[in-house]
N, C-alpha and C. Protein backbone atom coordinates (compact mmCIF):
# COMPACT_ATOMS: atom_id res chain seq x y z
N MET A 1 -32.96 -11.00 31.87
CA MET A 1 -32.22 -10.43 30.65
C MET A 1 -32.77 -10.92 29.14
N ILE A 2 -32.61 -12.43 29.21
CA ILE A 2 -33.01 -13.03 28.03
C ILE A 2 -34.60 -12.88 27.68
N LEU A 3 -35.17 -12.88 28.75
CA LEU A 3 -36.78 -12.77 28.63
C LEU A 3 -37.34 -11.42 28.04
N GLU A 4 -36.36 -10.33 28.23
CA GLU A 4 -36.67 -8.92 27.56
C GLU A 4 -36.54 -8.57 26.12
N VAL A 5 -35.33 -9.69 25.51
CA VAL A 5 -35.41 -9.40 24.21
C VAL A 5 -36.76 -9.58 23.33
N LYS A 6 -36.60 -8.72 22.33
CA LYS A 6 -37.67 -8.86 21.51
C LYS A 6 -37.70 -9.71 20.26
N ASP A 7 -37.94 -10.73 20.40
CA ASP A 7 -37.52 -11.74 19.15
C ASP A 7 -38.71 -12.88 19.37
N THR A 8 -39.10 -13.73 18.43
CA THR A 8 -40.32 -14.75 18.82
C THR A 8 -39.49 -15.70 19.69
N PRO A 9 -40.81 -16.48 20.18
CA PRO A 9 -39.94 -17.45 21.51
C PRO A 9 -39.13 -18.55 20.50
N HIS A 10 -39.42 -18.72 19.61
CA HIS A 10 -38.55 -19.92 18.73
C HIS A 10 -37.33 -19.36 18.60
N ARG A 11 -37.21 -18.29 18.01
CA ARG A 11 -36.12 -17.86 17.63
C ARG A 11 -34.71 -17.43 18.73
N LEU A 12 -35.49 -16.98 20.11
CA LEU A 12 -34.63 -16.60 21.20
C LEU A 12 -34.24 -18.33 21.96
N SER A 13 -35.39 -19.30 21.74
CA SER A 13 -34.99 -20.61 22.22
C SER A 13 -34.00 -21.37 21.65
N ILE A 14 -33.94 -20.92 20.42
CA ILE A 14 -32.89 -21.54 19.25
C ILE A 14 -31.50 -21.07 19.55
N ALA A 15 -31.63 -19.45 19.69
CA ALA A 15 -30.23 -18.48 19.65
C ALA A 15 -29.84 -19.14 21.22
N PHE A 16 -30.56 -19.28 22.24
CA PHE A 16 -30.03 -20.02 23.55
C PHE A 16 -29.24 -21.41 23.72
N ALA A 17 -29.92 -22.06 22.99
CA ALA A 17 -29.92 -23.56 22.92
C ALA A 17 -28.55 -23.72 21.82
N ALA A 18 -28.47 -23.19 20.87
CA ALA A 18 -26.99 -22.98 20.06
C ALA A 18 -26.07 -22.38 20.93
N GLY A 19 -26.18 -21.72 21.90
CA GLY A 19 -24.98 -21.20 22.77
C GLY A 19 -24.58 -22.31 23.52
N VAL A 20 -25.91 -22.76 24.20
CA VAL A 20 -25.52 -23.67 25.12
C VAL A 20 -24.77 -24.87 24.75
N LEU A 21 -25.23 -25.51 23.26
CA LEU A 21 -24.31 -26.70 22.86
C LEU A 21 -23.18 -26.16 22.50
N ILE A 22 -22.71 -24.77 21.87
CA ILE A 22 -21.51 -24.19 21.74
C ILE A 22 -20.55 -24.37 22.82
N GLY A 23 -21.39 -23.83 24.08
CA GLY A 23 -20.35 -23.72 25.44
C GLY A 23 -20.19 -24.94 25.89
N MET A 24 -21.10 -26.01 26.19
CA MET A 24 -20.74 -27.33 26.46
C MET A 24 -19.91 -28.33 25.40
N SER A 25 -19.37 -27.75 24.27
CA SER A 25 -19.03 -28.58 23.68
C SER A 25 -17.49 -28.82 23.83
N PRO A 26 -16.31 -29.68 23.05
CA PRO A 26 -15.07 -29.97 23.49
C PRO A 26 -14.27 -28.87 22.61
N PHE A 27 -14.71 -27.77 22.41
CA PHE A 27 -14.26 -26.51 21.83
C PHE A 27 -13.54 -25.67 22.77
N PHE A 28 -12.93 -25.83 23.62
CA PHE A 28 -12.75 -24.76 24.94
C PHE A 28 -11.89 -24.02 24.37
N GLY A 29 -11.92 -22.78 24.84
CA GLY A 29 -11.08 -21.72 24.70
C GLY A 29 -11.32 -20.74 22.91
N ILE A 30 -12.41 -21.42 22.49
CA ILE A 30 -13.02 -20.41 21.05
C ILE A 30 -14.33 -20.57 21.10
N HIS A 31 -14.98 -20.83 22.27
CA HIS A 31 -16.59 -20.88 22.61
C HIS A 31 -16.95 -19.41 22.26
N THR A 32 -16.68 -18.42 22.88
CA THR A 32 -17.22 -17.33 22.24
C THR A 32 -17.31 -16.82 21.19
N LEU A 33 -16.18 -17.09 20.14
CA LEU A 33 -16.01 -17.01 18.69
C LEU A 33 -16.64 -17.69 18.03
N LEU A 34 -16.85 -18.97 18.50
CA LEU A 34 -17.77 -20.05 18.21
C LEU A 34 -19.37 -19.29 17.84
N GLY A 35 -19.67 -18.74 19.04
CA GLY A 35 -21.05 -18.50 19.48
C GLY A 35 -21.45 -17.16 18.61
N LEU A 36 -20.46 -16.23 18.58
CA LEU A 36 -20.80 -15.32 17.57
C LEU A 36 -20.81 -15.45 16.16
N LEU A 37 -20.00 -16.44 15.63
CA LEU A 37 -20.12 -17.07 14.37
C LEU A 37 -21.04 -17.26 14.13
N VAL A 38 -21.62 -18.46 14.79
CA VAL A 38 -22.68 -19.25 14.54
C VAL A 38 -24.29 -18.00 14.71
N ALA A 39 -24.02 -17.32 15.71
CA ALA A 39 -25.29 -16.30 15.72
C ALA A 39 -25.13 -15.48 14.37
N SER A 40 -23.94 -15.06 13.62
CA SER A 40 -23.85 -14.03 12.85
C SER A 40 -24.62 -14.98 11.84
N VAL A 41 -24.09 -16.22 11.13
CA VAL A 41 -24.39 -17.06 9.93
C VAL A 41 -26.02 -17.34 10.18
N PHE A 42 -26.27 -17.70 11.05
CA PHE A 42 -27.81 -18.36 11.27
C PHE A 42 -28.72 -16.67 11.53
N ARG A 43 -28.38 -15.49 11.80
CA ARG A 43 -28.74 -14.30 12.34
C ARG A 43 -29.63 -14.68 13.48
N LEU A 44 -29.16 -15.31 14.74
CA LEU A 44 -29.57 -15.12 15.80
C LEU A 44 -29.06 -14.01 16.52
N ASN A 45 -30.04 -13.80 17.31
CA ASN A 45 -29.64 -12.67 18.43
C ASN A 45 -28.35 -13.23 19.26
N ARG A 46 -27.39 -12.36 19.18
CA ARG A 46 -25.98 -12.51 19.51
C ARG A 46 -25.86 -12.58 21.29
N LEU A 47 -26.77 -11.65 21.69
CA LEU A 47 -26.66 -11.67 23.25
C LEU A 47 -27.43 -13.14 23.91
N THR A 48 -28.56 -13.70 23.38
CA THR A 48 -28.85 -14.76 23.57
C THR A 48 -27.78 -15.69 23.60
N THR A 49 -27.30 -15.72 22.29
CA THR A 49 -26.45 -17.02 21.99
C THR A 49 -25.24 -17.08 23.10
N ILE A 50 -24.72 -15.71 23.45
CA ILE A 50 -23.36 -15.80 24.21
C ILE A 50 -24.20 -15.95 25.80
N VAL A 51 -25.25 -15.29 25.92
CA VAL A 51 -25.61 -15.86 27.51
C VAL A 51 -25.41 -17.57 27.52
N GLY A 52 -26.37 -18.16 26.30
CA GLY A 52 -26.04 -19.55 26.43
C GLY A 52 -24.62 -20.00 26.36
N VAL A 53 -23.63 -19.50 25.44
CA VAL A 53 -22.32 -20.01 25.76
C VAL A 53 -21.65 -20.22 27.28
N TYR A 54 -22.01 -18.88 27.54
CA TYR A 54 -21.41 -18.78 29.28
C TYR A 54 -22.06 -19.69 30.12
N ILE A 55 -22.83 -20.50 29.78
CA ILE A 55 -23.12 -21.38 30.70
C ILE A 55 -22.17 -22.20 31.42
N THR A 56 -20.92 -22.17 30.21
CA THR A 56 -19.75 -22.96 30.68
C THR A 56 -18.85 -21.72 31.20
N ASN A 57 -18.63 -21.68 32.46
CA ASN A 57 -17.91 -20.43 33.01
C ASN A 57 -16.87 -20.78 33.91
N PRO A 58 -15.84 -20.13 34.44
CA PRO A 58 -14.77 -20.59 35.17
C PRO A 58 -15.41 -21.53 36.48
N TRP A 59 -16.71 -21.23 37.12
CA TRP A 59 -17.15 -21.62 38.28
C TRP A 59 -17.79 -23.09 37.72
N THR A 60 -18.19 -22.95 36.60
CA THR A 60 -18.94 -24.46 36.01
C THR A 60 -18.22 -25.11 35.12
N ILE A 61 -17.06 -24.84 34.42
CA ILE A 61 -16.37 -25.90 33.66
C ILE A 61 -15.93 -27.26 34.25
N ILE A 62 -15.31 -26.84 35.15
CA ILE A 62 -15.01 -28.10 35.76
C ILE A 62 -16.16 -29.42 35.99
N PRO A 63 -16.98 -28.75 36.64
CA PRO A 63 -18.21 -29.73 36.98
C PRO A 63 -18.89 -30.11 35.70
N ILE A 64 -18.84 -29.60 34.75
CA ILE A 64 -19.50 -30.00 33.53
C ILE A 64 -18.24 -30.74 32.53
N TYR A 65 -17.21 -30.55 32.68
CA TYR A 65 -16.47 -31.38 31.49
C TYR A 65 -15.91 -32.77 32.36
N THR A 66 -16.14 -32.71 33.59
CA THR A 66 -16.03 -33.70 34.70
C THR A 66 -16.95 -34.93 34.31
N PHE A 67 -18.18 -34.23 34.52
CA PHE A 67 -19.06 -35.08 34.30
C PHE A 67 -19.41 -35.53 32.88
N SER A 68 -18.97 -34.54 31.82
CA SER A 68 -19.32 -35.26 30.31
C SER A 68 -18.30 -36.35 30.16
N THR A 69 -16.89 -35.98 30.64
CA THR A 69 -15.87 -37.03 30.61
C THR A 69 -16.40 -38.36 31.06
N TRP A 70 -17.13 -38.57 32.52
CA TRP A 70 -17.67 -39.38 33.10
C TRP A 70 -18.77 -40.24 32.37
N VAL A 71 -19.55 -39.23 31.68
CA VAL A 71 -20.73 -40.17 30.42
C VAL A 71 -19.95 -40.71 29.65
N GLY A 72 -19.10 -40.06 29.06
CA GLY A 72 -18.18 -40.67 27.80
C GLY A 72 -17.61 -41.76 28.19
N ALA A 73 -17.12 -42.21 29.34
CA ALA A 73 -16.31 -43.21 29.82
C ALA A 73 -17.48 -44.33 30.02
N LYS A 74 -18.20 -44.03 30.81
CA LYS A 74 -19.47 -44.88 31.12
C LYS A 74 -19.96 -45.28 29.21
N CYS A 75 -20.15 -44.53 28.46
CA CYS A 75 -20.77 -45.10 27.56
C CYS A 75 -19.98 -46.02 26.56
N LEU A 76 -18.55 -45.79 26.71
CA LEU A 76 -17.45 -46.77 26.21
C LEU A 76 -17.03 -47.88 26.71
N GLY A 77 -17.92 -47.89 28.09
CA GLY A 77 -17.54 -49.21 29.01
C GLY A 77 -16.04 -49.00 29.74
N MET A 78 -15.71 -47.96 30.17
CA MET A 78 -14.61 -47.83 30.94
C MET A 78 -15.05 -47.99 32.27
N ASN A 79 -14.30 -48.62 33.16
CA ASN A 79 -14.69 -49.02 34.73
C ASN A 79 -13.68 -47.84 35.23
N LYS A 80 -12.47 -48.21 35.17
CA LYS A 80 -11.51 -47.19 35.90
C LYS A 80 -11.32 -46.09 35.08
N ILE A 81 -11.35 -44.96 35.50
CA ILE A 81 -11.63 -43.77 34.92
C ILE A 81 -10.26 -42.84 35.30
N LEU A 82 -9.66 -42.91 36.72
CA LEU A 82 -8.58 -42.26 36.99
C LEU A 82 -7.83 -43.29 37.34
N PRO A 83 -6.36 -42.53 36.49
CA PRO A 83 -5.18 -43.80 36.61
C PRO A 83 -4.51 -43.40 38.11
N ASP A 84 -3.34 -44.08 38.42
CA ASP A 84 -2.75 -43.77 39.40
C ASP A 84 -1.69 -42.92 38.81
N VAL A 85 -1.40 -41.65 39.47
CA VAL A 85 -0.83 -40.61 39.55
C VAL A 85 0.32 -40.23 40.31
N ASP A 86 1.49 -40.38 39.80
CA ASP A 86 2.89 -39.83 40.68
C ASP A 86 2.73 -38.29 40.59
N TRP A 87 2.16 -37.79 41.22
CA TRP A 87 1.90 -36.12 40.97
C TRP A 87 3.29 -35.45 41.49
N ARG A 88 4.36 -36.17 42.32
CA ARG A 88 5.49 -35.45 42.46
C ARG A 88 6.33 -35.32 41.42
N ASN A 89 6.31 -36.12 40.35
CA ASN A 89 7.13 -36.68 38.93
C ASN A 89 6.15 -35.76 37.65
N MET A 90 5.13 -35.12 38.04
CA MET A 90 4.17 -34.57 36.70
C MET A 90 4.74 -33.52 35.92
N THR A 91 4.72 -34.18 34.65
CA THR A 91 5.59 -33.34 33.30
C THR A 91 4.10 -33.08 32.45
N LEU A 92 4.39 -32.27 31.54
CA LEU A 92 3.56 -32.25 30.38
C LEU A 92 3.55 -33.68 29.41
N SER A 93 4.57 -34.35 29.32
CA SER A 93 4.59 -35.56 28.73
C SER A 93 4.21 -36.76 29.54
N VAL A 94 4.32 -36.72 30.90
CA VAL A 94 3.41 -37.69 32.13
C VAL A 94 1.88 -37.35 31.98
N LEU A 95 1.50 -36.04 32.19
CA LEU A 95 0.33 -35.71 32.07
C LEU A 95 -0.15 -36.34 30.71
N MET A 96 0.26 -36.04 29.53
CA MET A 96 -0.33 -36.82 28.42
C MET A 96 -0.20 -38.43 28.23
N LYS A 97 0.56 -38.92 29.01
CA LYS A 97 0.74 -40.38 28.79
C LYS A 97 -0.26 -40.73 29.97
N ASP A 98 -0.65 -40.16 31.20
CA ASP A 98 -1.26 -40.92 32.23
C ASP A 98 -2.76 -40.74 32.02
N PHE A 99 -3.03 -39.61 31.31
CA PHE A 99 -4.43 -38.91 31.22
C PHE A 99 -4.98 -38.87 29.52
N GLY A 100 -4.12 -39.39 28.62
CA GLY A 100 -4.34 -39.21 27.05
C GLY A 100 -5.55 -40.12 26.70
N PHE A 101 -5.71 -41.22 27.54
CA PHE A 101 -6.81 -42.12 27.29
C PHE A 101 -8.28 -41.52 27.55
N LEU A 102 -8.22 -40.36 28.17
CA LEU A 102 -9.55 -39.87 28.42
C LEU A 102 -9.96 -38.69 27.57
N LEU A 103 -9.12 -38.88 26.56
CA LEU A 103 -9.62 -37.78 25.33
C LEU A 103 -10.88 -38.41 24.52
N MET A 104 -11.14 -39.62 24.24
CA MET A 104 -12.32 -39.77 23.80
C MET A 104 -13.39 -39.78 24.58
N PRO A 105 -13.46 -40.37 25.90
CA PRO A 105 -14.37 -40.35 26.61
C PRO A 105 -14.88 -39.03 26.66
N PHE A 106 -13.76 -37.82 26.71
CA PHE A 106 -14.31 -36.43 26.78
C PHE A 106 -14.88 -35.98 25.89
N LEU A 107 -14.36 -36.40 24.62
CA LEU A 107 -15.31 -35.85 23.26
C LEU A 107 -16.53 -36.30 23.18
N LEU A 108 -16.51 -37.72 23.36
CA LEU A 108 -18.03 -38.56 23.47
C LEU A 108 -18.59 -37.85 24.58
N GLY A 109 -18.39 -37.56 25.68
CA GLY A 109 -19.43 -37.13 26.59
C GLY A 109 -19.77 -35.62 26.52
N THR A 110 -18.66 -34.66 26.07
CA THR A 110 -19.33 -33.58 25.80
C THR A 110 -20.15 -33.28 24.77
N VAL A 111 -20.02 -33.99 23.78
CA VAL A 111 -20.96 -34.21 22.49
C VAL A 111 -22.45 -34.41 23.07
N ILE A 112 -22.32 -35.40 24.13
CA ILE A 112 -23.70 -35.76 24.11
C ILE A 112 -24.03 -35.19 25.00
N ILE A 113 -23.49 -34.73 26.33
CA ILE A 113 -24.25 -33.56 26.83
C ILE A 113 -24.62 -32.52 26.54
N SER A 114 -23.47 -31.94 25.79
CA SER A 114 -24.15 -30.63 25.06
C SER A 114 -25.55 -30.55 24.27
N VAL A 115 -25.87 -31.77 23.40
CA VAL A 115 -26.94 -32.01 22.61
C VAL A 115 -27.89 -32.19 23.67
N LEU A 116 -27.96 -32.79 24.63
CA LEU A 116 -29.25 -33.01 25.58
C LEU A 116 -29.61 -31.70 26.10
N SER A 117 -28.39 -30.79 26.69
CA SER A 117 -28.27 -29.56 27.44
C SER A 117 -29.14 -28.67 26.47
N ALA A 118 -28.55 -28.75 25.38
CA ALA A 118 -29.15 -27.64 24.19
C ALA A 118 -30.67 -28.07 23.93
N PHE A 119 -31.23 -29.46 23.76
CA PHE A 119 -32.75 -29.93 23.63
C PHE A 119 -33.37 -29.43 24.95
N ILE A 120 -32.93 -29.55 26.06
CA ILE A 120 -33.63 -29.56 27.31
C ILE A 120 -33.37 -27.59 27.37
N SER A 121 -32.48 -26.89 27.21
CA SER A 121 -32.63 -25.25 27.45
C SER A 121 -33.57 -25.02 26.12
N TYR A 122 -33.61 -25.47 25.39
CA TYR A 122 -34.72 -24.91 24.24
C TYR A 122 -35.99 -25.06 24.58
N ILE A 123 -36.13 -26.06 25.07
CA ILE A 123 -37.60 -26.37 25.79
C ILE A 123 -38.02 -25.54 26.82
N VAL A 124 -37.28 -25.43 28.02
CA VAL A 124 -37.19 -24.45 29.12
C VAL A 124 -37.36 -23.19 28.74
N LEU A 125 -36.27 -22.33 27.99
CA LEU A 125 -36.87 -20.91 27.19
C LEU A 125 -37.92 -20.95 26.86
N TYR A 126 -38.40 -21.98 25.76
CA TYR A 126 -39.36 -21.68 25.03
C TYR A 126 -40.50 -21.32 26.00
N TYR A 127 -40.77 -22.23 26.94
CA TYR A 127 -41.60 -22.14 27.84
C TYR A 127 -41.92 -20.90 28.55
N LEU A 128 -40.79 -20.66 29.00
CA LEU A 128 -40.58 -19.11 29.66
C LEU A 128 -40.86 -18.04 29.09
N VAL A 129 -40.50 -18.17 27.60
CA VAL A 129 -40.92 -16.77 26.89
C VAL A 129 -42.40 -17.08 26.50
N LYS A 130 -42.92 -18.19 26.17
CA LYS A 130 -44.52 -18.16 25.98
C LYS A 130 -45.08 -17.74 27.07
N LYS A 131 -44.60 -18.21 28.28
CA LYS A 131 -45.56 -17.73 29.53
C LYS A 131 -45.14 -16.53 29.50
N ARG A 132 -44.53 -15.62 29.65
CA ARG A 132 -44.18 -14.43 29.62
C ARG A 132 -45.10 -13.43 28.71
N ASN A 133 -45.16 -14.05 27.52
CA ASN A 133 -45.99 -13.13 26.63
C ASN A 133 -47.32 -13.31 26.71
N VAL A 134 -47.76 -14.38 27.50
CA VAL A 134 -49.15 -14.68 27.81
C VAL A 134 -49.94 -13.50 28.47
């Protein structure tokens, strides 16, 4: 689908990479809106950007965010990531108390992983589009 869009390899790759960056960012819940906004502001192909945004979807969001949080925790030197949780007495306040310490690793990890993923996706898509045009 993306390979059929008529645009330069660089612009298609930038649009897709921007979508991946946004899709893997910590801005959960507003990815689509941000993708459309960025595509409009920078005059990128909206379809290609949204395809990149949807790299994070209901099937991939848990593994992506879990891995990103793990990366953030490792970068911050955290050894124990999961706390001991009493699931029988779980409330929102208990959840925030028990898991609140993961906010910083989540933010750091999603930034790191989204930037790396965007960079890699740019290179891969650029290569594929260039190969298609040969």
